[in-house]
Amino acid sequence: MVAAWSAVMSIAVAAALLIMAMLAAADGHSGMLLATAGACAAVSILGLALLESTGRDRLDRH
């Protein structure tokens, strides 16, 4: 159950990082754009992996 909440929170963090990356792109901060876009990709992959790993748990409980 903890992994499911961790997955949800990591997806929320990824959404915030995506917004930060879009703002950095709009302001012309290329260094910050690369940093936040890379972090967004990494957190998204981690969150989706966590969410998929808990998929069987969600199916068994309901």
Protein backbone atom coordinates (compact mmCIF):
# COMPACT_ATOMS: atom_id res chain seq x y z
CA MET A 1 0.00 0.00 0.00
CA VAL A 2 2.89 2.36 0.73
CA ALA A 3 4.29 1.80 -2.76
CA ALA A 4 0.99 2.88 -4.28
CA TRP A 5 1.05 6.17 -2.38
CA SER A 6 4.69 6.65 -3.30
CA ALA A 7 3.78 6.17 -6.95
CA VAL A 8 0.98 8.71 -6.75
CA MET A 9 3.20 11.26 -5.05
CA SER A 10 6.00 10.76 -7.56
CA ILE A 11 3.57 11.40 -10.41
CA ALA A 12 2.49 14.61 -8.64
CA VAL A 13 6.14 15.65 -8.29
CA ALA A 14 6.70 14.88 -11.96
CA ALA A 15 3.77 17.13 -12.88
CA ALA A 16 5.27 19.96 -10.82
CA LEU A 17 8.66 19.42 -12.48
CA LEU A 18 7.00 19.52 -15.90
CA ILE A 19 5.47 22.90 -15.06
CA MET A 20 8.87 24.14 -13.89
CA ALA A 21 10.46 22.94 -17.13
CA MET A 22 7.84 24.70 -19.20
CA LEU A 23 8.37 27.93 -17.28
CA ALA A 24 12.14 27.65 -17.71
CA ALA A 25 11.67 27.16 -21.44
CA ALA A 26 9.40 30.19 -21.65
CA ASP A 27 11.94 32.37 -19.82
CA GLY A 28 14.88 31.11 -21.87
CA HIS A 29 16.77 29.39 -19.05
CA SER A 30 18.21 26.47 -21.00
CA GLY A 31 20.27 25.09 -18.11
CA MET A 32 17.28 24.99 -15.78
CA LEU A 33 15.18 23.52 -18.60
CA LEU A 34 17.54 20.59 -19.03
CA ALA A 35 17.78 19.98 -15.29
CA THR A 36 14.05 20.02 -14.65
CA ALA A 37 13.17 18.08 -17.79
CA GLY A 38 15.68 15.37 -16.88
CA ALA A 39 14.39 15.20 -13.32
CA CYS A 40 10.82 15.07 -14.62
CA ALA A 41 11.65 12.15 -16.90
CA ALA A 42 13.43 10.25 -14.14
CA VAL A 43 10.66 10.77 -11.58
CA SER A 44 8.00 9.87 -14.16
CA ILE A 45 9.71 6.60 -15.02
CA LEU A 46 10.16 5.78 -11.33
CA GLY A 47 6.54 6.63 -10.54
CA LEU A 48 5.16 4.60 -13.41
CA ALA A 49 7.36 1.65 -12.48
CA LEU A 50 6.11 1.83 -8.89
CA LEU A 51 2.52 2.10 -10.07
CA GLU A 52 2.87 -0.89 -12.37
CA SER A 53 4.56 -2.95 -9.66
CA THR A 54 1.54 -2.45 -7.39
CA GLY A 55 -0.95 -3.32 -10.14
CA ARG A 56 -1.33 -6.93 -9.04
CA ASP A 57 -1.89 -5.84 -5.44
CA ARG A 58 -4.73 -3.56 -6.52
CA LEU A 59 -6.32 -6.35 -8.57
CA ASP A 60 -6.14 -8.87 -5.73
CA ARG A 61 -7.67 -6.59 -3.11
CA HIS A 62 -10.71 -5.48 -5.10
